[in-house]
Protein backbone atom coordinates (compact mmCIF):
# COMPACT_ATOMS: atom_id res chain seq x y z
CA MET A 1 3.37 49.60 -54.57
CA SER A 2 0.83 49.09 -57.31
CA ALA A 3 -2.70 47.93 -56.66
CA LEU A 4 -1.89 44.58 -58.31
CA ALA A 5 1.15 44.00 -56.08
CA ALA A 6 -0.84 44.93 -52.99
CA SER A 7 -3.55 42.47 -53.96
CA LEU A 8 -1.01 39.70 -54.48
CA VAL A 9 0.61 40.34 -51.08
CA THR A 10 -2.80 40.34 -49.41
CA ALA A 11 -3.72 37.08 -51.13
CA VAL A 12 -0.45 35.41 -50.13
CA VAL A 13 -0.77 36.55 -46.50
CA THR A 14 -4.39 35.44 -46.35
CA ALA A 15 -3.52 32.04 -47.81
CA ALA A 16 -0.62 31.61 -45.37
CA LEU A 17 -2.82 32.50 -42.41
CA ALA A 18 -5.48 30.08 -43.64
CA ILE A 19 -2.92 27.28 -43.95
CA VAL A 20 -1.52 27.95 -40.48
CA GLY A 21 -5.01 28.16 -38.99
CA THR A 22 -6.04 24.91 -40.68
CA TYR A 23 -2.89 23.19 -39.43
CA TYR A 24 -3.42 24.16 -35.81
CA THR A 25 -7.15 23.43 -35.95
CA THR A 26 -6.52 19.99 -37.45
CA ARG A 27 -3.77 19.29 -34.93
CA ARG A 28 -6.01 20.34 -32.04
CA ASN A 29 -8.87 18.20 -33.32
CA LEU A 30 -6.55 15.21 -33.62
CA GLU A 31 -5.26 15.78 -30.07
CA VAL A 32 -8.80 15.95 -28.71
CA THR A 33 -9.77 12.79 -30.58
CA PHE A 34 -6.67 11.00 -29.33
CA ASP A 35 -7.21 12.14 -25.74
CA THR A 36 -10.84 11.05 -25.87
CA SER A 37 -9.95 7.63 -27.25
CA LEU A 38 -7.11 7.18 -24.75
CA ARG A 39 -9.39 8.14 -21.86
CA GLU A 40 -11.97 5.56 -22.93
CA LEU A 41 -9.30 2.85 -23.22
CA ARG A 42 -7.82 3.83 -19.87
CA ILE A 43 -11.18 3.71 -18.11
CA THR A 44 -11.75 0.16 -19.36
CA ALA A 45 -8.29 -1.02 -18.33
CA TYR A 46 -8.22 0.90 -15.05
CA LYS A 47 -11.60 -0.47 -13.96
CA ASP A 48 -10.07 -3.94 -14.11
CA LEU A 49 -7.02 -2.88 -12.07
CA TRP A 50 -9.21 -0.99 -9.59
CA LYS A 51 -11.08 -4.20 -8.74
CA LYS A 52 -7.83 -6.07 -8.18
CA LEU A 53 -6.73 -3.53 -5.57
CA ASP A 54 -9.67 -4.20 -3.25
CA VAL A 55 -7.36 -6.28 -1.02
CA LEU A 56 -5.65 -2.98 -0.11
CA ALA A 57 -8.85 -1.18 0.85
CA LYS A 58 -8.72 1.07 3.90
CA TYR A 59 -12.04 -0.12 5.30
CA GLY A 60 -13.75 -3.48 5.63
CA ARG A 61 -10.73 -5.78 5.51
CA PRO A 62 -10.71 -8.42 8.30
CA ALA A 63 -6.92 -8.62 8.69
CA PRO A 64 -3.66 -7.19 7.32
CA LEU A 65 -2.35 -8.50 4.01
CA THR A 66 -0.33 -11.70 4.46
CA ASP A 67 2.94 -12.48 2.70
CA LYS A 68 1.12 -14.94 0.41
CA GLU A 69 -1.57 -12.41 -0.43
CA ALA A 70 1.12 -9.81 -1.18
CA HIS A 71 2.87 -12.30 -3.49
CA ASP A 72 -0.42 -13.20 -5.22
CA LEU A 73 -1.31 -9.52 -5.73
CA ALA A 74 2.14 -8.82 -7.21
CA GLU A 75 1.60 -11.64 -9.71
CA THR A 76 -1.88 -10.30 -10.54
CA LEU A 77 -0.46 -6.84 -11.16
CA ARG A 78 2.29 -8.23 -13.38
CA ILE A 79 -0.26 -10.08 -15.55
CA TRP A 80 -2.47 -6.98 -15.77
CA TYR A 81 0.50 -4.84 -16.85
CA PHE A 82 1.48 -7.07 -19.78
CA GLU A 83 -1.93 -8.36 -20.83
CA THR A 84 -4.30 -5.46 -20.20
CA GLY A 85 -3.24 -1.99 -19.23
CA GLY A 86 0.47 -1.34 -18.84
CA ILE A 87 0.61 0.47 -22.16
CA PHE A 88 -2.00 3.00 -20.98
CA LEU A 89 -0.25 4.12 -17.78
CA SER A 90 0.94 7.71 -17.73
CA THR A 91 4.54 8.34 -16.67
CA ARG A 92 3.50 9.45 -13.20
CA THR A 93 1.00 6.62 -12.64
CA ARG A 94 3.52 4.11 -13.98
CA ARG A 95 5.85 5.19 -11.16
CA ASP A 96 3.03 4.59 -8.66
CA TYR A 97 2.41 1.15 -10.18
CA PHE A 98 6.05 0.06 -9.85
CA ALA A 99 6.32 1.55 -6.35
CA LEU A 100 3.45 -0.71 -5.27
CA LEU A 101 4.88 -3.73 -7.11
CA ASP A 102 8.29 -3.24 -5.51
CA GLY A 103 6.63 -2.82 -2.14
CA LEU A 104 4.68 -6.06 -2.52
CA GLU A 105 7.81 -7.98 -3.49
CA ASN A 106 10.16 -6.53 -0.87
CA VAL A 107 8.06 -5.36 2.05
CA GLY A 108 5.47 -8.11 2.04
CA GLY A 109 2.67 -8.06 4.57
CA GLY A 110 1.58 -9.58 7.84
CA SER A 111 2.31 -6.68 10.21
CA GLU A 112 0.25 -3.58 10.86
CA THR A 113 2.98 -1.20 9.70
CA ASP A 114 3.86 -3.14 6.53
CA ASP A 115 0.16 -3.45 5.71
CA GLU A 116 -0.40 0.29 6.11
CA PHE A 117 2.61 1.09 3.92
CA LEU A 118 1.25 -1.17 1.15
CA ARG A 119 -2.25 0.26 1.59
CA VAL A 120 -0.93 3.81 1.10
CA LEU A 121 1.01 2.74 -2.01
CA GLY A 122 -2.19 1.19 -3.39
CA SER A 123 -4.14 4.34 -2.57
CA ARG A 124 -1.64 6.47 -4.47
CA LEU A 125 -1.86 4.20 -7.49
CA ARG A 126 -5.64 4.58 -7.46
CA SER A 127 -5.28 8.37 -7.15
CA GLY A 128 -2.96 8.31 -10.16
CA MET A 129 -5.51 6.39 -12.19
CA THR A 130 -8.29 8.85 -11.35
CA ALA A 131 -5.98 11.72 -12.33
CA ASP A 132 -5.28 10.04 -15.68
CA VAL A 133 -8.97 9.78 -16.56
CA GLY A 134 -10.11 12.96 -14.79
CA THR A 135 -12.87 11.39 -12.71
CA ARG A 136 -12.13 13.47 -9.61
CA ARG A 137 -12.17 16.93 -11.06
CA THR A 138 -14.91 19.43 -11.76
CA PHE A 139 -15.28 19.50 -15.55
CA PRO A 140 -13.80 21.29 -17.37
CA LEU A 141 -11.57 23.59 -15.34
CA GLY A 142 -11.19 21.75 -12.04
CA ALA A 143 -7.83 20.56 -10.78
CA THR A 144 -7.12 16.97 -9.90
CA GLU A 145 -6.89 16.05 -6.23
CA ARG A 146 -3.34 14.82 -6.09
CA SER A 147 -0.78 17.00 -4.39
CA ARG A 148 -1.58 18.17 -0.86
CA GLY A 149 1.81 19.61 0.05
CA VAL A 150 2.84 20.52 3.58
CA PRO A 151 0.76 23.57 4.55
CA ARG A 152 1.89 23.70 8.20
CA ARG A 153 4.36 22.29 10.66
CA ARG A 154 3.39 18.80 11.74
CA GLU A 155 4.94 16.61 14.43
CA PHE A 156 4.67 12.83 14.66
CA ALA A 157 5.57 10.15 17.18
CA GLU A 158 6.78 6.67 16.28
CA LEU A 159 4.11 4.09 17.06
CA GLY A 160 5.58 1.78 19.67
CA GLY A 161 8.88 3.69 19.77
CA THR A 162 10.46 6.86 21.12
CA ARG A 163 11.53 8.70 17.96
CA ARG A 164 9.96 11.96 16.88
CA LEU A 165 9.46 13.26 13.35
CA ALA A 166 8.83 16.91 12.48
CA VAL A 167 7.79 18.12 9.03
CA THR A 168 8.01 21.86 8.45
CA PRO A 169 6.83 24.00 5.51
CA GLY A 170 9.38 25.06 2.94
CA PRO A 171 11.58 23.30 0.38
CA ARG A 172 13.25 20.19 1.76
CA ARG A 173 12.97 21.22 5.39
CA PHE A 174 12.39 18.00 7.28
CA LEU A 175 13.75 17.22 10.70
CA LEU A 176 14.13 13.72 12.10
CA GLY A 177 14.35 13.42 15.87
CA ARG A 178 17.38 11.54 17.20
CA ARG A 179 15.84 9.12 19.68
CA PRO A 180 17.39 6.65 20.34
CA PRO A 181 20.83 8.32 19.93
CA GLU A 182 22.11 5.80 17.37
CA LEU A 183 19.47 6.90 14.86
CA GLU A 184 20.39 10.14 13.09
CA ALA A 185 19.68 11.95 9.87
CA GLU A 186 22.48 12.48 7.38
CA GLY A 187 22.86 13.95 3.89
CA LEU A 188 19.92 16.34 4.17
CA TRP A 189 21.28 18.27 1.16
CA PRO A 190 20.91 16.73 -1.34
CA GLY A 191 20.13 13.39 0.30
CA GLN A 192 16.61 14.54 1.15
CA ARG A 193 14.09 14.91 -1.68
CA TRP A 194 10.52 16.19 -1.66
CA ASP A 195 7.96 14.76 -4.07
CA PRO A 196 4.87 17.02 -4.07
CA ASP A 197 2.90 14.69 -6.36
CA ARG A 198 2.95 12.01 -3.67
CA SER A 199 3.14 14.23 -0.58
CA ALA A 200 6.27 12.27 0.25
CA PHE A 201 9.91 12.84 1.01
CA SER A 202 13.00 10.66 1.23
CA ALA A 203 16.01 10.82 3.51
CA ARG A 204 19.15 8.83 4.20
CA LEU A 205 19.28 7.55 7.76
CA THR A 206 22.00 5.81 9.71
CA CYS A 207 21.02 2.98 12.04
CA GLY A 208 24.27 1.91 13.63
CA ASP A 209 26.84 1.65 10.83
CA ALA A 210 24.45 0.87 7.96
CA PRO A 211 23.09 3.81 5.91
CA ASP A 212 19.57 3.22 4.67
CA ALA A 213 17.53 5.28 2.20
CA ARG A 214 13.95 5.59 3.39
CA VAL A 215 10.79 7.12 2.02
CA PHE A 216 8.14 8.84 4.16
CA LEU A 217 4.55 9.00 2.83
CA LEU A 218 2.41 11.74 4.36
CA GLU A 219 -1.27 11.04 4.98
CA ASP A 220 -3.93 13.25 6.56
CA THR A 221 -3.34 11.96 10.10
CA HIS A 222 -0.11 9.97 10.02
CA VAL A 223 3.12 9.14 8.18
CA VAL A 224 4.22 5.75 6.95
CA GLU A 225 7.96 5.15 6.65
CA GLY A 226 9.19 2.43 4.34
CA PRO A 227 12.32 1.41 2.43
CA GLU A 228 13.08 3.64 -0.54
CA GLY A 229 15.63 1.32 -2.10
CA TRP A 230 13.27 -1.69 -2.12
CA ARG A 231 16.20 -3.94 -1.29
CA ARG A 232 15.96 -7.50 -2.56
CA GLY A 233 16.67 -10.29 -0.13
CA SER A 234 15.10 -12.61 2.40
CA LYS A 235 12.38 -11.62 4.81
CA GLU A 236 14.95 -11.39 7.61
CA GLN A 237 17.03 -8.88 5.62
CA ARG A 238 14.29 -6.52 4.55
CA PRO A 239 13.75 -3.33 6.57
CA GLU A 240 10.54 -2.98 8.52
CA SER A 241 8.01 -0.27 7.83
CA VAL A 242 7.32 2.26 10.58
CA LEU A 243 4.06 4.00 11.42
CA TRP A 244 4.17 7.54 12.77
CA VAL A 245 1.08 9.08 14.39
CA GLU A 246 0.49 12.82 14.52
CA LYS A 247 0.97 14.56 17.86
CA GLU A 248 -1.27 17.33 19.11
CA PRO A 249 0.60 20.64 18.86
CA GLU A 250 1.75 21.96 22.21
CA PRO A 251 0.16 25.26 23.26
CA ASP A 252 2.26 28.41 23.13
CA GLU A 253 3.62 29.75 26.39
CA GLY A 254 1.38 32.79 26.14
CA SER A 255 -1.73 30.66 25.69
CA ARG A 256 -1.13 28.44 28.74
CA LYS A 257 -3.76 28.94 31.43
CA PRO A 258 -2.46 29.87 34.87
CA PRO A 259 -3.06 27.27 37.57
CA GLU A 260 -6.30 27.76 39.47
CA GLY A 261 -6.25 28.76 43.13
């Protein structure tokens, strides 16, 4: 190859590399600009929605949410979605938004268990918003506080009932106690699904002859069980939410103290 040909090849390769480098640099700069602008718009819109969710606060509320308050909040959320911020919701946070809206329309309020189910749905929507704007991470390399997973076996007892619920580590390994006898788990594969983003799982249960898809939301100290299908209908037809409280693990046989005397 002559010196002239070598120079031409070098020039062409250099130009091609420069074009490719410019393309990716420009694209990256545009992505950063877009992300920055979207974050600013989201913060403005989400601040408005955050204030509207104060009726689902964990602390400081005098009484559970009533049916009327649940209906009013659902209407407020609908207006916010179409007039303010629905366009800014990420795919994941949009799912949290509609889960809460469906819960407000079909679960309602008034009882302790229904109120706790709605409160947890509201909490998960707020967590989704903070993940979208990155306000709960250590800049720039921190991870968002969203998925907690199931790090250990946990056992729960039904508040006011006799059923037991056990959650064990591993993919889709959830056991539902069969007390009373007419309540049993069915369709564990594939009827049971684990959602790590929400620390939640769903299962199909049979109460008598009617199969019912339910969702279980795991919190730090308890589980709230609510209807997965969000069935439309009258208040008398809707399924009730259930509150499960965590049981203290029983000591191993080898760790039991011998009786004194």
